[in-house]
């Protein structure tokens, strides 16, 4: 039950849910997500950190950019 509650708390935010939906189609960096979602980069970064800490997403560095993708 606790895992379900943690899962629902993590995806309950609109921004986090939108990020997950966008990442299902392709890898994106913070600047891409910020532009697409018209949200501030710090807000996107906080949401990505929460999703990464919960194991929903992973990241990989390409040059100076960090790209995020769904952890399937």
Protein backbone atom coordinates (compact mmCIF):
# COMPACT_ATOMS: atom_id res chain seq x y z
CA UNK A 1 0.00 0.00 0.00
CA UNK A 2 2.83 2.41 0.82
CA UNK A 3 4.38 1.87 -2.62
CA UNK A 4 1.08 2.77 -4.26
CA UNK A 5 0.77 5.91 -2.14
CA UNK A 6 4.36 6.94 -3.00
CA UNK A 7 3.69 6.26 -6.68
CA UNK A 8 0.53 8.35 -6.69
CA UNK A 9 2.19 11.19 -4.75
CA UNK A 10 5.03 11.31 -7.25
CA UNK A 11 2.86 11.52 -10.36
CA UNK A 12 0.09 13.60 -8.79
CA UNK A 13 1.69 16.89 -9.81
CA UNK A 14 0.55 18.14 -13.19
CA UNK A 15 4.08 19.10 -14.22
CA UNK A 16 5.55 15.71 -13.27
CA UNK A 17 2.79 13.88 -15.11
CA UNK A 18 3.30 16.01 -18.23
CA UNK A 19 7.05 15.34 -18.09
CA UNK A 20 6.43 11.60 -17.99
CA UNK A 21 4.08 11.81 -20.96
CA UNK A 22 6.64 13.79 -22.98
CA UNK A 23 9.48 11.42 -22.08
CA UNK A 24 7.51 8.43 -23.33
CA UNK A 25 8.09 9.68 -26.87
CA UNK A 26 11.80 10.59 -26.67
CA UNK A 27 14.75 11.73 -24.56
CA UNK A 28 14.60 15.41 -23.62
CA UNK A 29 16.80 17.84 -21.71
CA UNK A 30 15.66 20.43 -19.18
CA UNK A 31 15.79 23.23 -21.75
CA UNK A 32 13.57 21.23 -24.15
CA UNK A 33 11.05 20.43 -21.42
CA UNK A 34 11.05 24.01 -20.17
CA UNK A 35 10.37 25.33 -23.66
CA UNK A 36 7.67 22.80 -24.54
CA UNK A 37 5.87 23.14 -21.21
CA UNK A 38 6.44 26.89 -20.81
CA UNK A 39 7.70 26.33 -17.25
CA UNK A 40 10.83 27.64 -15.53
CA UNK A 41 13.97 25.52 -15.71
CA UNK A 42 14.31 25.36 -11.90
CA UNK A 43 10.76 24.01 -11.61
CA UNK A 44 11.40 21.41 -14.32
CA UNK A 45 14.68 20.43 -12.62
CA UNK A 46 12.96 19.92 -9.26
CA UNK A 47 10.32 17.71 -10.88
CA UNK A 48 12.97 15.72 -12.76
CA UNK A 49 14.92 15.19 -9.54
CA UNK A 50 11.83 13.81 -7.82
CA UNK A 51 11.03 11.49 -10.73
CA UNK A 52 14.66 10.34 -10.91
CA UNK A 53 14.86 9.72 -7.14
CA UNK A 54 11.72 7.60 -7.31
CA UNK A 55 13.15 5.57 -10.22
CA UNK A 56 10.70 6.68 -12.90
CA UNK A 57 13.36 8.23 -15.13
CA UNK A 58 17.09 8.04 -15.79
CA UNK A 59 19.50 10.47 -17.36
CA UNK A 60 22.49 10.43 -19.67
CA UNK A 61 24.97 13.17 -20.51
CA UNK A 62 25.52 14.19 -24.14
CA UNK A 63 28.18 16.90 -24.19
CA UNK A 64 27.05 19.72 -21.93
CA UNK A 65 23.42 18.57 -21.85
CA UNK A 66 21.78 15.95 -19.63
CA UNK A 67 18.96 14.11 -21.33
CA UNK A 68 16.21 12.33 -19.42
CA UNK A 69 14.32 9.22 -20.43
CA UNK A 70 11.78 6.78 -19.03
CA UNK A 71 13.27 3.99 -16.92
CA UNK A 72 11.57 0.94 -18.43
